[in-house]
Amino acid sequence: MTKRIAILGSTGSIGTSTLAVVKHLPGEFTVAALAARSNIELLERQVREFSPELVAVYEERGALELQRRIPHVRVLAGMEGLKAVAEYSGADFVMLAMAGSAGLEPAVAAIRAGKQIGLANKEIMIAGGELVSQLAREKGVDILPVDSEHSALFQCLKGEKREQVRRLILTASGGPFRKKSYEELERVTVAEALKHPNWTMGARVTIDSSTLMNKGLEMIEARWLFGIEKIEVVVHPQSLIHSMVEYVDGSIIAQISKPDMVLPIQYAMTYPERKQGMLPPFDFRQFSEMTFEEPDKKKFVCLQLAIDALAEGRSYPCFLNAAGEVLVERFLTGQISWIEIGRKLDKLMSSHRAADVLTLDSILSVDRLAREIAKKA
């Protein structure tokens, strides 16, 4: 049976790869709805190629312009438009690929509508993990992780008992600055920080990877996705082992593949089945070196801050994520240096007063407060 999909964030790297999988597996999927933040040029091309029934653009001006260009398709605007795509009755699978906390409200709408979820937006589980996971259980909704690390954990846990897990092991590439000294980190440029050694991603997640914040956020996400608290990080520069699960008997199960996001994206889309993939057979002779290191949490303070936020719980992860997003944007626009991302975030986290975040309103309130404070820090 053809799976009908909606994609929030269709013009980003995950969204375009999702559509590449649609083309790779003809007859398996139809595209029912698309949404993007502002890139109407690419979105228009996607609409003409995949013929969705509903489209949304977060920025209202872009929505009006796109509607003028494609009068035969309904185009909605703003957060209400994103939520309409997320809960669209013509779709049964929703790929949540829109970066940032703007994806939280559409995620909740999709879950409440009973959709199967492909989760590529980690901020949803970081800011509202307790609420979202509880709601998914109540609605009987599958949340299928698309991040390569969480997809790996999901596959390694399949068929196993959670109480027999000793620990989850998330692998990290170490980013572009793994070997730089603290003094060298003082002089990091935006261009250098945007050059990830193994992955091509959006700007925010690429910068988060350079500070190792991304790995800390993934620890928080894993806690809520899998209900397991013992989580560790190991630096694995080759990014061939995407994550591992160690069981109480000492066995470690790992998921290995060439670093390419089409694999975890396709696995979420075709779950519980596996279909012919887009990657060639893995050649161990070509990828013969696998090394591992302990992450330097003093040099990469953002990782330690995320670990602390996970331990503290309540509103700390939500505050960390929102404040960190603003500080990354300030770095990208030249307002602060790379090293100041961690320094300023450390001060902000120290001053935060924890609150419960068990409702959508409370999560959004903490998110707004963190952003306001981070803009002035």
Protein backbone atom coordinates (compact mmCIF):
# COMPACT_ATOMS: atom_id res chain seq x y z
CA MET A 1 0.00 0.00 0.00
CA THR A 2 1.31 3.45 -0.92
CA LYS A 3 2.33 5.55 2.08
CA ARG A 4 1.11 9.15 1.93
CA ILE A 5 3.66 11.55 3.37
CA ALA A 6 3.80 15.16 4.52
CA ILE A 7 7.15 16.92 4.95
CA LEU A 8 7.77 19.89 7.20
CA GLY A 9 11.07 21.42 6.13
CA SER A 10 10.99 20.06 2.59
CA THR A 11 13.61 22.52 1.28
CA GLY A 12 16.28 21.63 3.87
CA SER A 13 18.83 18.84 3.64
CA ILE A 14 16.59 16.25 5.34
CA GLY A 15 13.56 17.32 3.33
CA THR A 16 15.33 17.13 -0.03
CA SER A 17 16.79 13.74 0.90
CA THR A 18 13.30 12.54 1.87
CA LEU A 19 12.08 13.48 -1.59
CA ALA A 20 15.11 11.70 -3.09
CA VAL A 21 13.94 8.52 -1.34
CA VAL A 22 10.44 9.05 -2.78
CA LYS A 23 11.98 9.09 -6.26
CA HIS A 24 14.23 6.14 -5.46
CA LEU A 25 11.27 3.95 -4.46
CA PRO A 26 8.59 4.64 -7.09
CA GLY A 27 5.14 3.47 -6.13
CA GLU A 28 5.96 3.29 -2.41
CA PHE A 29 5.04 6.91 -1.55
CA THR A 30 2.91 9.82 -2.61
CA VAL A 31 3.62 13.37 -1.42
CA ALA A 32 0.45 14.75 0.14
CA ALA A 33 1.72 18.00 1.67
CA LEU A 34 4.87 20.13 1.88
CA ALA A 35 5.95 22.96 4.17
CA ALA A 36 9.02 25.20 4.32
CA ARG A 37 10.17 28.25 6.22
CA SER A 38 10.97 30.65 3.38
CA ASN A 39 12.67 29.08 0.32
CA ILE A 40 9.80 29.44 -2.12
CA GLU A 41 12.01 29.03 -5.20
CA LEU A 42 12.89 25.44 -4.30
CA LEU A 43 9.46 24.78 -2.81
CA GLU A 44 7.80 25.80 -6.08
CA ARG A 45 9.96 23.31 -7.99
CA GLN A 46 9.07 20.60 -5.49
CA VAL A 47 5.36 21.34 -5.83
CA ARG A 48 5.54 21.10 -9.62
CA GLU A 49 7.46 17.80 -9.45
CA PHE A 50 5.57 16.01 -6.66
CA SER A 51 2.06 17.54 -6.90
CA PRO A 52 1.13 17.86 -3.20
CA GLU A 53 -2.45 18.77 -2.33
CA LEU A 54 -1.47 21.24 0.41
CA VAL A 55 1.51 23.57 0.88
CA ALA A 56 2.55 25.90 3.70
CA VAL A 57 5.19 28.63 4.03
CA TYR A 58 6.02 29.89 7.51
CA GLU A 59 6.83 33.42 6.30
CA GLU A 60 3.56 35.09 5.24
CA ARG A 61 5.04 37.16 2.42
CA GLY A 62 6.56 34.04 0.89
CA ALA A 63 3.25 32.22 1.18
CA LEU A 64 1.44 34.98 -0.71
CA GLU A 65 4.04 35.00 -3.46
CA LEU A 66 4.00 31.20 -3.80
CA GLN A 67 0.20 31.18 -3.98
CA ARG A 68 0.43 33.66 -6.85
CA ARG A 69 2.83 31.33 -8.68
CA ILE A 70 0.87 28.10 -8.07
CA PRO A 71 -2.80 29.13 -7.96
CA HIS A 72 -3.91 25.52 -8.48
CA VAL A 73 -2.58 24.42 -5.05
CA ARG A 74 -3.73 25.71 -1.65
CA VAL A 75 -0.90 27.58 0.13
CA LEU A 76 -1.20 28.40 3.83
CA ALA A 77 0.96 30.71 5.95
CA GLY A 78 2.49 30.95 9.41
CA MET A 79 2.33 28.51 12.30
CA GLU A 80 -1.27 27.64 11.47
CA GLY A 81 -0.13 26.61 8.01
CA LEU A 82 2.60 24.36 9.42
CA LYS A 83 0.14 22.72 11.80
CA ALA A 84 -2.35 22.21 8.96
CA VAL A 85 0.31 20.30 6.99
CA ALA A 86 1.27 18.29 10.09
CA GLU A 87 -2.28 17.13 10.76
CA TYR A 88 -3.41 16.93 7.11
CA SER A 89 -5.95 14.14 6.70
CA GLY A 90 -4.47 13.15 3.34
CA ALA A 91 -1.17 12.04 4.94
CA ASP A 92 -0.43 9.13 7.25
CA PHE A 93 3.34 9.73 7.75
CA VAL A 94 4.83 13.12 8.70
CA MET A 95 8.54 13.87 8.30
CA LEU A 96 9.39 16.54 10.89
CA ALA A 97 12.49 18.07 9.33
CA MET A 98 12.02 21.75 10.13
CA ALA A 99 14.95 22.87 12.29
CA GLY A 100 14.53 24.69 15.58
CA SER A 101 11.79 24.87 18.17
CA ALA A 102 9.34 26.14 15.52
CA GLY A 103 8.75 22.47 14.84
CA LEU A 104 7.31 21.77 18.30
CA GLU A 105 3.72 22.93 17.71
CA PRO A 106 3.40 21.08 14.37
CA ALA A 107 4.84 17.97 16.02
CA VAL A 108 2.21 18.04 18.74
CA ALA A 109 -0.49 18.61 16.09
CA ALA A 110 0.75 15.61 14.07
CA ILE A 111 0.82 13.33 17.11
CA ARG A 112 -2.65 14.42 18.23
CA ALA A 113 -3.86 13.62 14.71
CA GLY A 114 -2.44 10.08 15.06
CA LYS A 115 0.23 10.35 12.36
CA GLN A 116 3.30 8.14 12.19
CA ILE A 117 6.27 10.46 12.80
CA GLY A 118 9.70 10.61 11.19
CA LEU A 119 11.64 12.76 13.67
CA ALA A 120 14.54 14.75 12.23
CA ASN A 121 14.06 17.74 14.52
CA LYS A 122 15.79 16.93 17.80
CA GLU A 123 14.64 20.19 19.41
CA ILE A 124 11.15 18.73 19.70
CA MET A 125 12.29 16.07 22.17
CA ILE A 126 14.79 18.36 23.88
CA ALA A 127 12.33 21.16 24.59
CA GLY A 128 9.25 19.02 25.16
CA GLY A 129 10.44 15.43 25.53
CA GLU A 130 8.27 14.53 28.50
CA LEU A 131 5.12 16.00 26.95
CA VAL A 132 5.74 14.63 23.47
CA SER A 133 6.65 11.10 24.56
CA GLN A 134 3.63 10.92 26.88
CA LEU A 135 1.31 12.19 24.15
CA ALA A 136 2.73 9.67 21.65
CA ARG A 137 2.07 6.82 24.08
CA GLU A 138 -1.50 8.00 24.64
CA LYS A 139 -2.18 8.24 20.90
CA GLY A 140 -0.34 5.03 20.00
CA VAL A 141 1.91 6.98 17.61
CA ASP A 142 5.28 5.67 16.40
CA ILE A 143 8.09 8.23 16.67
CA LEU A 144 10.76 6.97 14.28
CA PRO A 145 14.13 8.72 14.74
CA VAL A 146 15.87 10.05 11.64
CA ASP A 147 19.10 11.40 13.17
CA SER A 148 21.75 8.86 12.20
CA GLU A 149 22.70 8.25 15.85
CA HIS A 150 19.15 7.73 17.08
CA SER A 151 18.22 5.61 14.08
CA ALA A 152 21.24 3.46 14.94
CA LEU A 153 20.11 3.10 18.56
CA PHE A 154 16.56 2.36 17.43
CA GLN A 155 17.81 -0.44 15.18
CA CYS A 156 20.17 -1.84 17.85
CA LEU A 157 17.36 -1.90 20.44
CA LYS A 158 14.82 -3.59 18.18
CA GLY A 159 13.55 -6.82 19.68
CA GLU A 160 15.52 -6.37 22.91
CA LYS A 161 14.31 -5.70 26.46
CA ARG A 162 15.02 -2.21 27.78
CA GLU A 163 15.80 -3.50 31.29
CA GLN A 164 18.67 -5.55 29.84
CA VAL A 165 20.44 -2.44 28.46
CA ARG A 166 23.57 -1.38 30.33
CA ARG A 167 24.11 1.86 28.39
CA LEU A 168 23.52 3.70 25.14
CA ILE A 169 26.70 4.88 23.40
CA LEU A 170 26.35 7.84 21.05
CA THR A 171 29.23 8.35 18.63
CA ALA A 172 30.49 11.83 17.72
CA SER A 173 32.76 12.81 14.85
CA GLY A 174 34.43 15.36 17.11
CA GLY A 175 33.72 18.11 14.59
CA PRO A 176 36.25 20.25 12.72
CA PHE A 177 38.06 21.46 15.87
CA ARG A 178 38.77 18.16 17.59
CA LYS A 179 42.53 18.68 17.50
CA LYS A 180 42.64 22.44 17.99
CA SER A 181 44.07 23.90 21.19
CA TYR A 182 42.02 26.17 23.43
CA GLU A 183 44.06 29.13 22.17
CA GLU A 184 43.27 28.23 18.55
CA LEU A 185 39.57 28.02 19.39
CA GLU A 186 39.69 31.70 20.38
CA ARG A 187 40.30 32.55 16.71
CA VAL A 188 37.77 30.27 14.98
CA THR A 189 35.93 31.84 12.01
CA VAL A 190 32.41 31.22 10.80
CA ALA A 191 33.71 29.66 7.58
CA GLU A 192 35.88 27.21 9.54
CA ALA A 193 33.01 26.25 11.86
CA LEU A 194 30.73 25.54 8.89
CA LYS A 195 33.16 22.96 7.43
CA HIS A 196 32.07 19.69 9.01
CA PRO A 197 34.50 16.86 8.20
CA ASN A 198 31.87 14.17 7.51
CA TRP A 199 28.35 15.57 7.09
CA THR A 200 26.53 18.21 5.07
CA MET A 201 23.90 19.81 7.30
CA GLY A 202 22.10 23.06 8.02
CA ALA A 203 24.00 25.97 9.57
CA ARG A 204 22.74 25.62 13.14
CA VAL A 205 23.39 21.89 13.48
CA THR A 206 26.81 22.30 11.81
CA ILE A 207 27.85 24.92 14.36
CA ASP A 208 26.40 22.78 17.17
CA SER A 209 28.53 19.92 15.88
CA SER A 210 31.63 22.10 16.05
CA THR A 211 30.95 22.91 19.73
CA LEU A 212 29.76 19.33 20.50
CA MET A 213 26.48 20.87 21.67
CA ASN A 214 24.81 18.69 19.05
CA LYS A 215 25.97 15.54 20.82
CA GLY A 216 24.74 16.82 24.17
CA LEU A 217 21.34 17.58 22.66
CA GLU A 218 21.29 14.08 21.18
CA MET A 219 21.83 12.64 24.68
CA ILE A 220 18.73 14.50 25.89
CA GLU A 221 16.74 13.35 22.86
CA ALA A 222 17.81 9.72 23.39
CA ARG A 223 16.65 9.87 27.02
CA TRP A 224 13.08 10.64 25.92
CA LEU A 225 13.01 8.53 22.77
CA PHE A 226 14.11 5.34 24.47
CA GLY A 227 13.36 5.85 28.17
CA ILE A 228 16.96 4.96 29.11
CA GLU A 229 19.03 7.25 31.35
CA LYS A 230 22.50 5.72 31.10
CA ILE A 231 23.90 7.45 28.00
CA GLU A 232 27.53 8.12 27.09
CA VAL A 233 29.40 9.78 24.22
CA VAL A 234 32.51 8.54 22.47
CA VAL A 235 34.35 10.41 19.71
CA HIS A 236 34.62 8.31 16.56
CA PRO A 237 36.11 10.56 13.83
CA GLN A 238 35.32 8.26 10.90
CA SER A 239 31.52 8.36 11.57
CA LEU A 240 31.11 4.76 10.40
CA ILE A 241 29.65 3.39 13.63
CA HIS A 242 26.60 5.57 14.12
CA SER A 243 25.89 4.48 17.70
CA MET A 244 25.95 1.40 19.90
CA VAL A 245 23.99 -0.33 22.66
CA GLU A 246 25.76 -2.29 25.38
CA TYR A 247 23.74 -4.97 27.18
CA VAL A 248 24.12 -6.26 30.72
CA ASP A 249 25.93 -9.41 29.53
CA GLY A 250 28.67 -7.27 27.94
CA SER A 251 27.50 -7.64 24.32
CA ILE A 252 27.65 -4.48 22.22
CA ILE A 253 25.45 -4.11 19.15
CA ALA A 254 26.46 -1.39 16.68
CA GLN A 255 24.99 -0.04 13.47
CA ILE A 256 27.61 0.58 10.78
CA SER A 257 27.27 2.25 7.40
CA LYS A 258 28.82 4.91 5.22
CA PRO A 259 27.91 8.37 6.62
CA ASP A 260 24.92 9.27 4.43
CA MET A 261 21.59 10.50 5.76
CA VAL A 262 19.52 8.75 3.10
CA LEU A 263 19.86 5.49 5.02
CA PRO A 264 18.21 6.56 8.32
CA ILE A 265 15.68 8.65 6.38
CA GLN A 266 14.66 5.69 4.23
CA TYR A 267 14.52 3.33 7.24
CA ALA A 268 12.05 5.64 9.01
CA MET A 269 9.96 6.01 5.85
CA THR A 270 9.72 2.28 5.11
CA TYR A 271 9.54 1.02 8.72
CA PRO A 272 8.89 -1.71 9.74
CA GLU A 273 10.08 -2.98 6.35
CA ARG A 274 13.50 -2.58 4.74
CA LYS A 275 13.68 -1.72 1.04
CA GLN A 276 16.53 -1.68 -1.48
CA GLY A 277 18.76 1.22 -0.43
CA MET A 278 20.63 3.92 -2.32
CA LEU A 279 24.08 3.13 -0.90
CA PRO A 280 26.49 0.62 -2.47
CA PRO A 281 27.57 -2.44 -0.43
CA PHE A 282 29.87 -1.46 2.45
CA ASP A 283 33.54 -2.01 1.58
CA PHE A 284 35.55 -2.72 4.74
CA ARG A 285 38.79 -2.38 2.75
CA GLN A 286 37.91 1.20 1.91
CA PHE A 287 36.80 2.00 5.47
CA SER A 288 39.36 -0.01 7.41
CA GLU A 289 40.17 2.43 10.23
CA MET A 290 37.89 2.93 13.22
CA THR A 291 39.25 4.90 16.19
CA PHE A 292 37.69 6.14 19.42
CA GLU A 293 38.47 8.93 21.88
CA GLU A 294 37.05 10.46 25.02
CA PRO A 295 35.38 13.86 24.32
CA ASP A 296 37.13 16.86 25.90
CA LYS A 297 34.33 18.38 27.98
CA LYS A 298 36.52 21.20 29.29
CA LYS A 299 37.44 22.41 25.81
CA PHE A 300 33.94 21.78 24.47
CA VAL A 301 31.96 23.19 27.38
CA CYS A 302 28.61 22.99 25.54
CA LEU A 303 28.68 19.20 25.80
CA GLN A 304 29.09 19.40 29.58
CA LEU A 305 26.31 22.00 29.82
CA ALA A 306 23.96 19.65 27.97
CA ILE A 307 24.91 16.75 30.25
CA ASP A 308 24.18 18.97 33.27
CA ALA A 309 20.83 20.04 31.78
CA LEU A 310 19.90 16.39 31.24
CA ALA A 311 20.73 15.61 34.87
CA GLU A 312 18.76 18.62 36.19
CA GLY A 313 15.73 17.99 33.99
CA ARG A 314 12.56 20.07 34.14
CA SER A 315 12.99 23.25 32.04
CA TYR A 316 16.80 23.13 31.79
CA PRO A 317 16.98 21.27 28.44
CA CYS A 318 14.35 23.56 26.89
CA PHE A 319 16.19 26.66 28.10
CA LEU A 320 19.55 25.28 26.93
CA ASN A 321 18.24 24.55 23.44
CA ALA A 322 16.54 27.91 22.89
CA ALA A 323 19.39 29.99 24.31
CA GLY A 324 21.92 27.96 22.33
CA GLU A 325 20.03 28.51 19.09
CA VAL A 326 20.12 32.29 19.58
CA LEU A 327 23.82 32.29 20.47
CA VAL A 328 24.63 30.26 17.35
CA GLU A 329 22.71 32.76 15.23
CA ARG A 330 24.65 35.60 16.89
CA PHE A 331 27.90 33.82 16.03
CA LEU A 332 26.83 33.29 12.42
CA THR A 333 26.02 37.00 12.07
CA GLY A 334 29.33 38.10 13.60
CA GLN A 335 27.98 39.45 16.89
CA ILE A 336 29.93 37.05 19.11
CA SER A 337 32.93 34.76 18.71
CA TRP A 338 32.81 30.96 18.55
CA ILE A 339 34.27 30.58 22.03
CA GLU A 340 31.65 32.94 23.44
CA ILE A 341 28.85 30.54 22.52
CA GLY A 342 29.88 28.26 25.37
CA ARG A 343 30.92 31.02 27.74
CA LYS A 344 27.67 32.94 27.45
CA LEU A 345 25.56 29.79 27.58
CA ASP A 346 27.33 28.74 30.79
CA LYS A 347 26.38 32.03 32.46
CA LEU A 348 22.80 31.84 31.20
CA MET A 349 22.34 28.29 32.46
CA SER A 350 23.75 29.23 35.87
CA SER A 351 21.14 31.96 36.25
CA HIS A 352 18.15 29.90 35.07
CA ARG A 353 15.46 28.99 37.59
CA ALA A 354 13.91 25.64 36.79
CA ALA A 355 10.22 25.25 36.05
CA ASP A 356 7.96 22.37 35.06
CA VAL A 357 7.36 21.98 31.30
CA LEU A 358 4.45 19.58 31.09
CA THR A 359 2.23 21.64 28.78
CA LEU A 360 2.82 23.18 25.36
CA ASP A 361 2.26 26.68 26.78
CA SER A 362 4.85 26.20 29.52
CA ILE A 363 7.42 24.89 27.03
CA LEU A 364 6.86 27.82 24.68
CA SER A 365 7.07 30.25 27.61
CA VAL A 366 10.49 28.94 28.68
CA ASP A 367 11.61 28.94 25.04
CA ARG A 368 10.63 32.61 24.60
CA LEU A 369 12.30 33.66 27.86
CA ALA A 370 15.55 31.92 26.93
CA ARG A 371 15.63 33.60 23.54
CA GLU A 372 15.00 37.06 24.97
CA ILE A 373 17.79 36.69 27.52
CA ALA A 374 20.26 35.15 25.03
CA LYS A 375 19.81 38.06 22.61
CA LYS A 376 21.13 40.44 25.26
CA ALA A 377 23.80 38.23 26.83
